[in-house]
C-alpha atoms as a PDB file:
ATOM      1  CA  MET A   1      22.145   2.859  79.899  1.00  0.00           C
ATOM      2  CA  PRO A   2      19.055   4.592  78.215  1.00  0.00           C
ATOM      3  CA  GLU A   3      19.478   5.884  74.841  1.00  0.00           C
ATOM      4  CA  PHE A   4      17.313   8.381  72.633  1.00  0.00           C
ATOM      5  CA  GLU A   5      17.856   9.583  69.019  1.00  0.00           C
ATOM      6  CA  PHE A   6      16.090  12.006  67.014  1.00  0.00           C
ATOM      7  CA  VAL A   7      16.603  14.015  63.840  1.00  0.00           C
ATOM      8  CA  VAL A   8      16.055  17.863  63.085  1.00  0.00           C
ATOM      9  CA  VAL A   9      15.575  18.484  59.319  1.00  0.00           C
ATOM     10  CA  GLY A  10      17.427  21.649  58.008  1.00  0.00           C
ATOM     11  CA  GLN A  11      20.771  23.274  58.428  1.00  0.00           C
ATOM     12  CA  PRO A  12      21.438  24.079  62.012  1.00  0.00           C
ATOM     13  CA  THR A  13      22.035  27.596  63.096  1.00  0.00           C
ATOM     14  CA  SER A  14      25.549  28.734  64.262  1.00  0.00           C
ATOM     15  CA  ILE A  15      26.718  30.804  66.991  1.00  0.00           C
ATOM     16  CA  ASN A  16      28.859  32.749  64.522  1.00  0.00           C
ATOM     17  CA  THR A  17      26.284  33.037  61.774  1.00  0.00           C
ATOM     18  CA  LYS A  18      26.575  36.318  59.974  1.00  0.00           C
ATOM     19  CA  GLY A  19      24.077  38.942  60.481  1.00  0.00           C
ATOM     20  CA  LYS A  20      22.548  40.569  63.434  1.00  0.00           C
ATOM     21  CA  GLY A  21      19.200  41.803  64.726  1.00  0.00           C
ATOM     22  CA  ARG A  22      15.824  40.530  64.672  1.00  0.00           C
ATOM     23  CA  PRO A  23      15.916  38.111  61.458  1.00  0.00           C
ATOM     24  CA  GLN A  24      19.127  36.319  62.862  1.00  0.00           C
ATOM     25  CA  LYS A  25      17.486  36.066  66.374  1.00  0.00           C
ATOM     26  CA  LYS A  26      14.200  34.621  64.786  1.00  0.00           C
ATOM     27  CA  LYS A  27      16.039  32.074  62.846  1.00  0.00           C
ATOM     28  CA  ARG A  28      18.092  30.979  65.887  1.00  0.00           C
ATOM     29  CA  ASP A  29      14.925  30.883  67.916  1.00  0.00           C
ATOM     30  CA  ASN A  30      13.081  28.848  65.186  1.00  0.00           C
ATOM     31  CA  TRP A  31      15.921  26.113  65.029  1.00  0.00           C
ATOM     32  CA  GLN A  32      15.845  25.914  68.782  1.00  0.00           C
ATOM     33  CA  ASP A  33      12.074  25.351  68.811  1.00  0.00           C
ATOM     34  CA  ASN A  34      12.637  22.706  66.108  1.00  0.00           C
ATOM     35  CA  VAL A  35      15.299  20.927  68.473  1.00  0.00           C
ATOM     36  CA  LYS A  36      12.914  21.068  71.544  1.00  0.00           C
ATOM     37  CA  ASN A  37      10.011  19.737  69.689  1.00  0.00           C
ATOM     38  CA  ALA A  38      11.913  16.891  68.160  1.00  0.00           C
ATOM     39  CA  ALA A  39      13.408  16.000  71.585  1.00  0.00           C
ATOM     40  CA  ARG A  40      10.093  16.212  73.254  1.00  0.00           C
ATOM     41  CA  LYS A  41       8.754  13.560  70.816  1.00  0.00           C
ATOM     42  CA  VAL A  42      11.071  10.902  71.953  1.00  0.00           C
ATOM     43  CA  ILE A  43      12.296  11.751  75.349  1.00  0.00           C
ATOM     44  CA  PRO A  44       9.741  11.164  78.134  1.00  0.00           C
ATOM     45  CA  PRO A  45       9.296  13.590  80.734  1.00  0.00           C
ATOM     46  CA  PRO A  46      10.546  14.187  83.372  1.00  0.00           C
ATOM     47  CA  ALA A  47      14.134  14.482  82.189  1.00  0.00           C
ATOM     48  CA  THR A  48      16.546  12.079  84.370  1.00  0.00           C
ATOM     49  CA  LEU A  49      19.051  13.565  86.822  1.00  0.00           C
ATOM     50  CA  LEU A  50      21.657  10.989  85.482  1.00  0.00           C
ATOM     51  CA  PRO A  51      24.868  12.264  83.695  1.00  0.00           C
ATOM     52  CA  VAL A  52      24.370  12.529  79.875  1.00  0.00           C
ATOM     53  CA  GLU A  53      26.690  12.134  76.862  1.00  0.00           C
ATOM     54  CA  VAL A  54      25.510  14.003  73.632  1.00  0.00           C
ATOM     55  CA  SER A  55      26.341  13.055  70.261  1.00  0.00           C
ATOM     56  CA  ILE A  56      25.652  15.525  67.316  1.00  0.00           C
ATOM     57  CA  SER A  57      26.097  14.690  63.624  1.00  0.00           C
ATOM     58  CA  THR A  58      25.420  17.218  60.897  1.00  0.00           C
ATOM     59  CA  TYR A  59      24.615  15.754  57.571  1.00  0.00           C
ATOM     60  CA  PHE A  60      25.033  18.271  54.659  1.00  0.00           C
ATOM     61  CA  THR A  61      25.038  18.684  50.892  1.00  0.00           C
ATOM     62  CA  ARG A  62      25.990  22.358  50.583  1.00  0.00           C
ATOM     63  CA  GLN A  63      28.383  24.378  52.645  1.00  0.00           C
ATOM     64  CA  PRO A  64      28.850  22.831  56.103  1.00  0.00           C
ATOM     65  CA  VAL A  65      28.724  24.620  59.379  1.00  0.00           C
ATOM     66  CA  ASP A  66      31.636  24.422  61.802  1.00  0.00           C
ATOM     67  CA  VAL A  67      31.032  21.539  64.127  1.00  0.00           C
ATOM     68  CA  ASP A  68      31.791  23.556  67.323  1.00  0.00           C
ATOM     69  CA  ASN A  69      29.540  26.590  66.353  1.00  0.00           C
ATOM     70  CA  VAL A  70      26.352  24.509  66.019  1.00  0.00           C
ATOM     71  CA  LEU A  71      26.695  23.072  69.700  1.00  0.00           C
ATOM     72  CA  LYS A  72      25.334  26.137  71.692  1.00  0.00           C
ATOM     73  CA  ASP A  73      21.982  26.436  69.914  1.00  0.00           C
ATOM     74  CA  ILE A  74      21.512  22.759  70.060  1.00  0.00           C
ATOM     75  CA  MET A  75      22.594  22.250  73.646  1.00  0.00           C
ATOM     76  CA  ASP A  76      20.613  25.262  74.937  1.00  0.00           C
ATOM     77  CA  ALA A  77      17.438  23.936  73.154  1.00  0.00           C
ATOM     78  CA  MET A  78      17.706  20.668  74.919  1.00  0.00           C
ATOM     79  CA  ASN A  79      18.088  22.118  78.439  1.00  0.00           C
ATOM     80  CA  GLY A  80      14.947  21.366  80.439  1.00  0.00           C
ATOM     81  CA  VAL A  81      13.661  19.100  77.772  1.00  0.00           C
ATOM     82  CA  ALA A  82      16.349  16.264  77.439  1.00  0.00           C
ATOM     83  CA  TYR A  83      18.123  16.877  80.683  1.00  0.00           C
ATOM     84  CA  ASN A  84      17.213  19.128  83.701  1.00  0.00           C
ATOM     85  CA  ASP A  85      20.333  21.217  83.425  1.00  0.00           C
ATOM     86  CA  ASP A  86      23.114  21.347  81.079  1.00  0.00           C
ATOM     87  CA  LYS A  87      25.656  20.633  84.055  1.00  0.00           C
ATOM     88  CA  GLN A  88      24.490  16.962  83.663  1.00  0.00           C
ATOM     89  CA  VAL A  89      26.219  16.812  80.243  1.00  0.00           C
ATOM     90  CA  TYR A  90      29.677  15.160  80.783  1.00  0.00           C
ATOM     91  CA  LYS A  91      30.596  14.564  77.175  1.00  0.00           C
ATOM     92  CA  VAL A  92      29.718  16.063  73.976  1.00  0.00           C
ATOM     93  CA  THR A  93      30.886  14.932  70.337  1.00  0.00           C
ATOM     94  CA  SER A  94      30.147  16.796  67.219  1.00  0.00           C
ATOM     95  CA  GLU A  95      30.939  15.860  63.679  1.00  0.00           C
ATOM     96  CA  ARG A  96      29.800  16.755  60.140  1.00  0.00           C
ATOM     97  CA  ILE A  97      29.240  14.343  57.468  1.00  0.00           C
ATOM     98  CA  TYR A  98      28.943  15.134  53.745  1.00  0.00           C
ATOM     99  CA  LEU A  99      26.062  13.086  52.397  1.00  0.00           C
ATOM    100  CA  LYS A 100      27.634  12.302  49.002  1.00  0.00           C
ATOM    101  CA  THR A 101      30.545  10.490  50.677  1.00  0.00           C
ATOM    102  CA  LEU A 102      28.514   7.890  52.539  1.00  0.00           C
ATOM    103  CA  ASP A 103      28.946   4.365  51.476  1.00  0.00           C
ATOM    104  CA  SER A 104      25.531   2.683  50.318  1.00  0.00           C
ATOM    105  CA  HIS A 105      26.672  -0.431  52.110  1.00  0.00           C
ATOM    106  CA  SER A 106      26.785   1.152  55.557  1.00  0.00           C
ATOM    107  CA  VAL A 107      24.518   0.164  58.380  1.00  0.00           C
ATOM    108  CA  PHE A 108      22.373   2.860  59.958  1.00  0.00           C
ATOM    109  CA  SER A 109      19.543   2.850  62.516  1.00  0.00           C
ATOM    110  CA  PRO A 110      16.216   2.857  60.849  1.00  0.00           C
ATOM    111  CA  LEU A 111      15.647   6.662  61.702  1.00  0.00           C
ATOM    112  CA  LEU A 112      19.072   7.789  60.426  1.00  0.00           C
ATOM    113  CA  GLY A 113      18.672   5.536  57.248  1.00  0.00           C
ATOM    114  CA  ALA A 114      15.276   7.249  56.430  1.00  0.00           C
ATOM    115  CA  HIS A 115      16.563  10.665  56.705  1.00  0.00           C
ATOM    116  CA  ILE A 116      19.868   9.951  54.616  1.00  0.00           C
ATOM    117  CA  ALA A 117      17.662   8.603  51.960  1.00  0.00           C
ATOM    118  CA  LYS A 118      15.197  11.723  51.871  1.00  0.00           C
ATOM    119  CA  SER A 119      16.657  14.720  53.541  1.00  0.00           C
ATOM    120  CA  PRO A 120      19.410  17.123  52.011  1.00  0.00           C
ATOM    121  CA  GLU A 121      20.373  18.308  55.266  1.00  0.00           C
ATOM    122  CA  PHE A 122      19.701  17.432  58.865  1.00  0.00           C
ATOM    123  CA  VAL A 123      21.069  16.936  62.374  1.00  0.00           C
ATOM    124  CA  HIS A 124      21.010  13.508  64.074  1.00  0.00           C
ATOM    125  CA  ILE A 125      21.259  13.896  67.928  1.00  0.00           C
ATOM    126  CA  ARG A 126      21.758  11.013  70.205  1.00  0.00           C
ATOM    127  CA  LEU A 127      21.699  11.019  73.975  1.00  0.00           C
ATOM    128  CA  PHE A 128      23.104   8.441  76.404  1.00  0.00           C
ATOM    129  CA  TRP A 129      22.437   8.599  80.101  1.00  0.00           C
ATOM    130  CA  SER A 130      25.015   6.660  82.509  1.00  0.00           C
ATOM    131  CA  GLU A 131      25.350   6.256  86.089  1.00  0.00           C
ATOM    132  CA  GLU A 132      29.121   6.102  85.455  1.00  0.00           C
ATOM    133  CA  GLY A 133      29.309   9.615  83.934  1.00  0.00           C
ATOM    134  CA  VAL A 134      31.078  12.208  86.028  1.00  0.00           C
ATOM    135  CA  LEU A 135      29.175  15.390  87.191  1.00  0.00           C
END
């Protein structure tokens, strides 16, 4: 089963972020561009047609965003990049992790470990493709 992971530095935008109009739209557009660019660096085109599972972990030190509200912008940004259509996604998990509570003896992937050591807030995204997934 192919697997890819990438990190997007910064706090994710939320579908329920307060504020309306151009500044809020620009902030969300910038975040989605960051997600697309990060995905393009690790996921080779063309995206597969296989069913995909997505895991989203938001690491934070300040006020966390709701785990369900960050999904829309991230999933929309990966549409056409990580997968051809979001109908391919059969499972999504989302969690938030307070960086100060992590155990220094925990084992992380090299990518995740590097960001835990240097980034105050970021999102770690993993994608798993499977022929067993249900579409």
